[in-house]
């Protein structure tokens, strides 16, 4: 093998199943945090109302996309809890003590469990995240 042939070798990319996993983590799991990130960057703070709404909606979206019945059930309950908490704060105007701690614990727990579930789905089971190369009708 000469030097020219070595220079023409393709650089291999990530295998498709790893691309599916990382794309899922980026678009499905991290992108929903973007509004909170922007609020934090622009105001140097995240308002409790913003965190409450996010803590109510994010678990619901994760649970609806989960293959686990148990995770789905837990995310419905968590979403219900934070929805009620939001209603209480909106009606009373008083912030809830330690709310941020409960929100972050639940978000981290849901994120971690779903991260592991998606690892199994995309890396182990090789289920595509997005069918970019599908040719429908051919």
N, C-alpha and C. Protein backbone atom coordinates (compact mmCIF):
# COMPACT_ATOMS: atom_id res chain seq x y z
N UNK A 1 0.86 -1.18 0.00
CA UNK A 1 0.00 0.00 0.00
C UNK A 1 0.90 1.24 0.00
N UNK A 2 0.65 2.10 -0.94
CA UNK A 2 1.49 3.30 -1.00
C UNK A 2 0.87 4.44 -0.21
N UNK A 3 1.64 5.50 -0.11
CA UNK A 3 1.25 6.66 0.69
C UNK A 3 -0.03 7.30 0.16
N UNK A 4 -0.20 7.38 -1.17
CA UNK A 4 -1.37 8.03 -1.76
C UNK A 4 -2.66 7.27 -1.40
N UNK A 5 -2.62 5.95 -1.40
CA UNK A 5 -3.81 5.17 -1.03
C UNK A 5 -4.18 5.37 0.43
N UNK A 6 -3.19 5.53 1.28
CA UNK A 6 -3.48 5.77 2.70
C UNK A 6 -4.15 7.12 2.90
N UNK A 7 -3.79 8.11 2.12
CA UNK A 7 -4.36 9.45 2.26
C UNK A 7 -5.80 9.51 1.74
N UNK A 8 -6.19 8.59 0.87
CA UNK A 8 -7.53 8.61 0.29
C UNK A 8 -8.55 7.79 1.08
N UNK A 9 -8.16 7.27 2.20
CA UNK A 9 -9.08 6.47 3.01
C UNK A 9 -10.10 7.37 3.69
N UNK A 10 -11.31 6.92 3.72
CA UNK A 10 -12.39 7.69 4.34
C UNK A 10 -12.25 7.67 5.85
N UNK A 11 -12.61 8.76 6.45
CA UNK A 11 -12.68 8.82 7.91
C UNK A 11 -14.05 8.27 8.29
N UNK A 12 -14.05 7.28 9.14
CA UNK A 12 -15.34 6.68 9.50
C UNK A 12 -16.06 7.57 10.51
N UNK A 13 -17.36 7.64 10.35
CA UNK A 13 -18.18 8.41 11.28
C UNK A 13 -18.74 7.50 12.36
N UNK A 14 -19.57 8.07 13.17
CA UNK A 14 -20.24 7.28 14.20
C UNK A 14 -21.20 6.30 13.54
N UNK A 15 -21.31 5.10 14.08
CA UNK A 15 -22.31 4.17 13.56
C UNK A 15 -23.72 4.76 13.71
N UNK A 16 -24.61 4.34 12.82
CA UNK A 16 -25.96 4.90 12.80
C UNK A 16 -26.68 4.80 14.13
N UNK A 17 -26.51 3.69 14.84
CA UNK A 17 -27.24 3.54 16.10
C UNK A 17 -26.76 4.55 17.15
N UNK A 18 -25.48 4.90 17.13
CA UNK A 18 -24.99 5.93 18.06
C UNK A 18 -25.46 7.31 17.61
N UNK A 19 -25.50 7.54 16.30
CA UNK A 19 -26.04 8.81 15.81
C UNK A 19 -27.50 8.97 16.22
N UNK A 20 -28.27 7.88 16.11
CA UNK A 20 -29.67 7.92 16.53
C UNK A 20 -29.80 8.27 18.01
N UNK A 21 -28.96 7.66 18.81
CA UNK A 21 -29.00 7.90 20.26
C UNK A 21 -28.67 9.36 20.59
N UNK A 22 -27.56 9.86 20.04
CA UNK A 22 -27.16 11.23 20.35
C UNK A 22 -28.14 12.25 19.78
N UNK A 23 -28.70 11.98 18.61
CA UNK A 23 -29.70 12.87 18.04
C UNK A 23 -30.96 12.90 18.91
N UNK A 24 -31.34 11.74 19.41
CA UNK A 24 -32.49 11.65 20.31
C UNK A 24 -32.25 12.46 21.58
N UNK A 25 -31.08 12.28 22.16
CA UNK A 25 -30.75 13.01 23.39
C UNK A 25 -30.77 14.51 23.13
N UNK A 26 -30.18 14.93 22.02
CA UNK A 26 -30.10 16.35 21.70
C UNK A 26 -31.48 16.96 21.41
N UNK A 27 -32.20 16.36 20.47
CA UNK A 27 -33.46 16.97 20.02
C UNK A 27 -34.65 16.66 20.92
N UNK A 28 -34.73 15.45 21.38
CA UNK A 28 -35.91 15.02 22.14
C UNK A 28 -35.79 15.32 23.63
N UNK A 29 -34.58 15.22 24.17
CA UNK A 29 -34.42 15.34 25.62
C UNK A 29 -33.83 16.67 26.07
N UNK A 30 -32.90 17.24 25.31
CA UNK A 30 -32.25 18.48 25.74
C UNK A 30 -32.89 19.74 25.14
N UNK A 31 -33.33 19.67 23.90
CA UNK A 31 -33.88 20.86 23.24
C UNK A 31 -35.05 21.49 24.01
N UNK A 32 -35.93 20.71 24.63
CA UNK A 32 -37.01 21.34 25.40
C UNK A 32 -36.53 22.24 26.54
N UNK A 33 -35.28 22.07 26.99
CA UNK A 33 -34.73 22.93 28.04
C UNK A 33 -34.31 24.30 27.50
N UNK A 34 -34.33 24.49 26.20
CA UNK A 34 -33.85 25.73 25.58
C UNK A 34 -34.54 26.99 26.12
N UNK A 35 -35.87 27.02 26.28
CA UNK A 35 -36.50 28.23 26.83
C UNK A 35 -35.98 28.58 28.23
N UNK A 36 -35.75 27.57 29.07
CA UNK A 36 -35.20 27.85 30.41
C UNK A 36 -33.77 28.38 30.30
N UNK A 37 -33.00 27.82 29.40
CA UNK A 37 -31.63 28.29 29.19
C UNK A 37 -31.64 29.74 28.73
N UNK A 38 -32.51 30.08 27.80
CA UNK A 38 -32.58 31.45 27.30
C UNK A 38 -33.02 32.41 28.40
N UNK A 39 -34.01 32.02 29.19
CA UNK A 39 -34.45 32.86 30.30
C UNK A 39 -33.31 33.09 31.28
N UNK A 40 -32.58 32.04 31.57
CA UNK A 40 -31.45 32.15 32.50
C UNK A 40 -30.36 33.06 31.94
N UNK A 41 -30.06 32.92 30.66
CA UNK A 41 -29.02 33.75 30.04
C UNK A 41 -29.44 35.22 29.94
N UNK A 42 -30.70 35.46 29.62
CA UNK A 42 -31.16 36.83 29.39
C UNK A 42 -31.49 37.58 30.68
N UNK A 43 -31.90 36.86 31.71
CA UNK A 43 -32.31 37.53 32.95
C UNK A 43 -31.47 37.14 34.15
N UNK A 44 -30.53 36.23 33.96
CA UNK A 44 -29.70 35.69 35.05
C UNK A 44 -30.54 35.01 36.12
N UNK A 45 -31.72 34.54 35.73
CA UNK A 45 -32.62 33.92 36.69
C UNK A 45 -33.66 33.10 35.92
N UNK A 46 -34.20 32.11 36.58
CA UNK A 46 -35.36 31.38 36.05
C UNK A 46 -36.50 31.61 37.02
N UNK A 47 -37.57 32.22 36.54
CA UNK A 47 -38.72 32.49 37.39
C UNK A 47 -39.37 31.19 37.84
N UNK A 48 -39.93 31.19 39.04
CA UNK A 48 -40.56 29.99 39.56
C UNK A 48 -41.71 29.54 38.67
N UNK A 49 -42.46 30.48 38.12
CA UNK A 49 -43.57 30.11 37.23
C UNK A 49 -43.07 29.38 35.99
N UNK A 50 -41.96 29.84 35.43
CA UNK A 50 -41.39 29.17 34.26
C UNK A 50 -40.96 27.75 34.60
N UNK A 51 -40.31 27.60 35.73
CA UNK A 51 -39.86 26.28 36.15
C UNK A 51 -41.05 25.37 36.45
N UNK A 52 -42.10 25.93 37.04
CA UNK A 52 -43.30 25.13 37.34
C UNK A 52 -43.96 24.62 36.06
N UNK A 53 -44.11 25.50 35.09
CA UNK A 53 -44.71 25.07 33.83
C UNK A 53 -43.85 24.02 33.14
N UNK A 54 -42.55 24.23 33.15
CA UNK A 54 -41.64 23.26 32.53
C UNK A 54 -41.69 21.93 33.27
N UNK A 55 -41.69 21.99 34.60
CA UNK A 55 -41.72 20.77 35.41
C UNK A 55 -43.05 20.02 35.24
N UNK A 56 -44.08 20.72 34.80
CA UNK A 56 -45.36 20.06 34.52
C UNK A 56 -45.41 19.47 33.12
N UNK A 57 -44.82 20.16 32.15
CA UNK A 57 -44.94 19.73 30.75
C UNK A 57 -43.87 18.74 30.31
N UNK A 58 -42.63 18.93 30.76
CA UNK A 58 -41.54 18.06 30.31
C UNK A 58 -41.78 16.59 30.69
N UNK A 59 -42.14 16.29 31.93
CA UNK A 59 -42.40 14.88 32.26
C UNK A 59 -43.51 14.27 31.39
N UNK A 60 -44.51 15.07 31.09
CA UNK A 60 -45.60 14.58 30.26
C UNK A 60 -45.11 14.22 28.86
N UNK A 61 -44.30 15.08 28.27
CA UNK A 61 -43.79 14.79 26.92
C UNK A 61 -42.86 13.58 26.93
N UNK A 62 -42.07 13.42 27.96
CA UNK A 62 -41.19 12.26 28.06
C UNK A 62 -42.02 10.99 28.27
N UNK A 63 -42.98 11.05 29.15
CA UNK A 63 -43.82 9.89 29.43
C UNK A 63 -44.60 9.42 28.22
N UNK A 64 -45.10 10.37 27.43
CA UNK A 64 -45.87 10.01 26.24
C UNK A 64 -45.01 9.33 25.18
N UNK A 65 -43.72 9.60 25.18
CA UNK A 65 -42.83 8.99 24.19
C UNK A 65 -42.10 7.76 24.73
N UNK A 66 -42.37 7.41 25.96
CA UNK A 66 -41.68 6.28 26.59
C UNK A 66 -42.32 4.95 26.19
N UNK A 67 -41.50 3.92 26.19
CA UNK A 67 -42.01 2.56 25.98
C UNK A 67 -42.38 1.89 27.30
N UNK A 68 -42.09 2.56 28.40
CA UNK A 68 -42.32 2.00 29.73
C UNK A 68 -43.67 2.47 30.28
N UNK A 69 -44.53 1.53 30.60
CA UNK A 69 -45.83 1.88 31.20
C UNK A 69 -45.64 2.52 32.56
N UNK A 70 -44.67 2.03 33.32
CA UNK A 70 -44.42 2.56 34.65
C UNK A 70 -43.93 4.01 34.58
N UNK A 71 -42.97 4.29 33.68
CA UNK A 71 -42.49 5.67 33.52
C UNK A 71 -43.63 6.57 33.04
N UNK A 72 -44.45 6.07 32.14
CA UNK A 72 -45.60 6.84 31.67
C UNK A 72 -46.50 7.22 32.85
N UNK A 73 -46.81 6.25 33.71
CA UNK A 73 -47.66 6.51 34.87
C UNK A 73 -47.05 7.52 35.83
N UNK A 74 -45.76 7.35 36.12
CA UNK A 74 -45.08 8.29 37.02
C UNK A 74 -45.05 9.70 36.44
N UNK A 75 -44.80 9.81 35.15
CA UNK A 75 -44.72 11.15 34.55
C UNK A 75 -46.08 11.83 34.54
N UNK A 76 -47.15 11.07 34.41
CA UNK A 76 -48.50 11.66 34.50
C UNK A 76 -48.71 12.22 35.90
N UNK A 77 -48.35 11.44 36.92
CA UNK A 77 -48.50 11.91 38.31
C UNK A 77 -47.63 13.13 38.60
N UNK A 78 -46.39 13.11 38.13
CA UNK A 78 -45.49 14.24 38.35
C UNK A 78 -46.03 15.48 37.65
N UNK A 79 -46.50 15.31 36.43
CA UNK A 79 -47.08 16.42 35.68
C UNK A 79 -48.31 16.98 36.39
N UNK A 80 -49.13 16.11 36.91
CA UNK A 80 -50.31 16.54 37.65
C UNK A 80 -49.92 17.32 38.91
N UNK A 81 -48.93 16.81 39.64
CA UNK A 81 -48.45 17.48 40.85
C UNK A 81 -47.98 18.90 40.55
N UNK A 82 -47.13 19.05 39.53
CA UNK A 82 -46.60 20.37 39.23
C UNK A 82 -47.64 21.28 38.59
N UNK A 83 -48.62 20.72 37.91
CA UNK A 83 -49.72 21.52 37.38
C UNK A 83 -50.56 22.10 38.51
N UNK A 84 -50.85 21.28 39.51
CA UNK A 84 -51.60 21.76 40.68
C UNK A 84 -50.78 22.80 41.43
N UNK A 85 -49.48 22.55 41.58
CA UNK A 85 -48.61 23.52 42.27
C UNK A 85 -48.62 24.86 41.53
N UNK A 86 -48.59 24.81 40.21
CA UNK A 86 -48.64 26.04 39.43
C UNK A 86 -49.96 26.78 39.68
N UNK A 87 -51.06 26.05 39.70
CA UNK A 87 -52.36 26.66 39.96
C UNK A 87 -52.43 27.31 41.33
N UNK A 88 -51.87 26.64 42.34
CA UNK A 88 -51.87 27.18 43.70
C UNK A 88 -51.07 28.48 43.75
N UNK A 89 -49.89 28.47 43.14
CA UNK A 89 -49.05 29.68 43.16
C UNK A 89 -49.69 30.79 42.34
N UNK A 90 -50.27 30.45 41.21
CA UNK A 90 -50.92 31.47 40.38
C UNK A 90 -52.10 32.11 41.11
N UNK A 91 -52.85 31.31 41.87
CA UNK A 91 -54.01 31.83 42.60
C UNK A 91 -53.61 32.63 43.83
N UNK A 92 -52.57 32.18 44.53
CA UNK A 92 -52.19 32.84 45.78
C UNK A 92 -51.13 33.91 45.59
N UNK A 93 -50.32 33.78 44.57
CA UNK A 93 -49.23 34.72 44.35
C UNK A 93 -48.05 34.50 45.27
N UNK A 94 -48.10 33.45 46.08
CA UNK A 94 -47.01 33.16 47.02
C UNK A 94 -46.17 32.00 46.49
N UNK A 95 -44.85 32.14 46.49
CA UNK A 95 -44.00 31.04 46.03
C UNK A 95 -44.03 29.87 47.00
N UNK A 96 -43.83 28.68 46.48
CA UNK A 96 -43.79 27.48 47.31
C UNK A 96 -42.37 27.25 47.82
N UNK A 97 -42.26 26.88 49.09
CA UNK A 97 -40.95 26.61 49.69
C UNK A 97 -40.35 25.35 49.07
N UNK A 98 -39.07 25.40 48.78
CA UNK A 98 -38.30 24.27 48.25
C UNK A 98 -38.82 23.73 46.93
N UNK A 99 -39.61 24.51 46.22
CA UNK A 99 -40.16 24.02 44.96
C UNK A 99 -39.06 23.67 43.97
N UNK A 100 -38.04 24.51 43.88
CA UNK A 100 -36.97 24.28 42.91
C UNK A 100 -36.28 22.94 43.14
N UNK A 101 -36.11 22.59 44.41
CA UNK A 101 -35.47 21.31 44.74
C UNK A 101 -36.30 20.15 44.21
N UNK A 102 -37.61 20.18 44.45
CA UNK A 102 -38.48 19.11 43.97
C UNK A 102 -38.50 19.06 42.44
N UNK A 103 -38.53 20.22 41.82
CA UNK A 103 -38.55 20.27 40.36
C UNK A 103 -37.27 19.67 39.78
N UNK A 104 -36.12 20.09 40.30
CA UNK A 104 -34.85 19.59 39.77
C UNK A 104 -34.68 18.10 40.03
N UNK A 105 -35.07 17.63 41.19
CA UNK A 105 -34.96 16.19 41.49
C UNK A 105 -35.83 15.39 40.51
N UNK A 106 -37.06 15.82 40.31
CA UNK A 106 -37.94 15.07 39.40
C UNK A 106 -37.44 15.14 37.96
N UNK A 107 -36.97 16.31 37.53
CA UNK A 107 -36.46 16.43 36.16
C UNK A 107 -35.22 15.58 35.94
N UNK A 108 -34.32 15.58 36.90
CA UNK A 108 -33.10 14.77 36.78
C UNK A 108 -33.45 13.28 36.77
N UNK A 109 -34.37 12.87 37.63
CA UNK A 109 -34.76 11.46 37.68
C UNK A 109 -35.40 11.02 36.37
N UNK A 110 -36.32 11.81 35.86
CA UNK A 110 -36.99 11.47 34.60
C UNK A 110 -36.00 11.45 33.45
N UNK A 111 -35.13 12.45 33.40
CA UNK A 111 -34.13 12.53 32.34
C UNK A 111 -33.22 11.31 32.36
N UNK A 112 -32.76 10.92 33.54
CA UNK A 112 -31.83 9.79 33.67
C UNK A 112 -32.49 8.48 33.26
N UNK A 113 -33.69 8.24 33.75
CA UNK A 113 -34.39 7.00 33.40
C UNK A 113 -34.66 6.93 31.90
N UNK A 114 -35.09 8.05 31.32
CA UNK A 114 -35.39 8.06 29.89
C UNK A 114 -34.10 7.96 29.06
N UNK A 115 -33.02 8.52 29.55
CA UNK A 115 -31.72 8.40 28.88
C UNK A 115 -31.32 6.93 28.76
N UNK A 116 -31.49 6.19 29.84
CA UNK A 116 -31.18 4.76 29.83
C UNK A 116 -32.13 3.99 28.92
N UNK A 117 -33.40 4.36 28.96
CA UNK A 117 -34.38 3.71 28.09
C UNK A 117 -34.03 3.94 26.62
N UNK A 118 -33.65 5.16 26.28
CA UNK A 118 -33.29 5.49 24.90
C UNK A 118 -31.99 4.83 24.48
N UNK A 119 -31.08 4.61 25.41
CA UNK A 119 -29.86 3.87 25.11
C UNK A 119 -30.24 2.45 24.66
N UNK A 120 -31.09 1.81 25.43
CA UNK A 120 -31.53 0.46 25.06
C UNK A 120 -32.22 0.46 23.70
N UNK A 121 -33.07 1.45 23.49
CA UNK A 121 -33.86 1.49 22.25
C UNK A 121 -32.99 1.73 21.02
N UNK A 122 -32.08 2.71 21.09
CA UNK A 122 -31.34 3.10 19.90
C UNK A 122 -29.99 2.39 19.74
N UNK A 123 -29.29 2.15 20.83
CA UNK A 123 -27.97 1.53 20.74
C UNK A 123 -28.07 0.01 20.80
N UNK A 124 -28.81 -0.50 21.76
CA UNK A 124 -28.89 -1.96 21.92
C UNK A 124 -29.85 -2.58 20.89
N UNK A 125 -31.08 -2.05 20.81
CA UNK A 125 -32.09 -2.61 19.90
C UNK A 125 -31.97 -2.09 18.47
N UNK A 126 -31.17 -1.03 18.28
CA UNK A 126 -30.92 -0.44 16.95
C UNK A 126 -32.19 0.11 16.29
N UNK A 127 -33.10 0.63 17.09
CA UNK A 127 -34.30 1.27 16.54
C UNK A 127 -33.92 2.67 16.08
N UNK A 128 -34.17 3.01 14.81
CA UNK A 128 -33.80 4.35 14.33
C UNK A 128 -34.60 5.43 15.04
N UNK A 129 -33.95 6.57 15.26
CA UNK A 129 -34.64 7.72 15.84
C UNK A 129 -35.41 8.45 14.76
N UNK A 130 -34.78 8.59 13.61
CA UNK A 130 -35.37 9.33 12.52
C UNK A 130 -35.00 8.62 11.23
N UNK A 131 -35.95 8.39 10.38
CA UNK A 131 -35.68 7.66 9.14
C UNK A 131 -35.26 8.63 8.04
N UNK A 132 -34.01 9.12 8.10
CA UNK A 132 -33.52 10.06 7.11
C UNK A 132 -33.33 9.42 5.74
N UNK A 133 -32.89 8.17 5.71
CA UNK A 133 -32.56 7.52 4.45
C UNK A 133 -33.68 6.64 3.92
N UNK A 134 -34.87 6.79 4.43
CA UNK A 134 -35.96 5.95 3.95
C UNK A 134 -36.42 6.45 2.60
N UNK A 135 -36.69 5.53 1.73
CA UNK A 135 -37.17 5.89 0.40
C UNK A 135 -38.56 5.31 0.23
N UNK A 136 -39.55 6.09 0.56
CA UNK A 136 -40.95 5.66 0.50
C UNK A 136 -41.40 5.62 -0.95
N UNK A 137 -42.09 4.57 -1.31
CA UNK A 137 -42.65 4.48 -2.65
C UNK A 137 -41.71 3.91 -3.69
N UNK A 138 -40.55 3.49 -3.34
CA UNK A 138 -39.63 2.91 -4.33
C UNK A 138 -39.62 1.42 -4.24
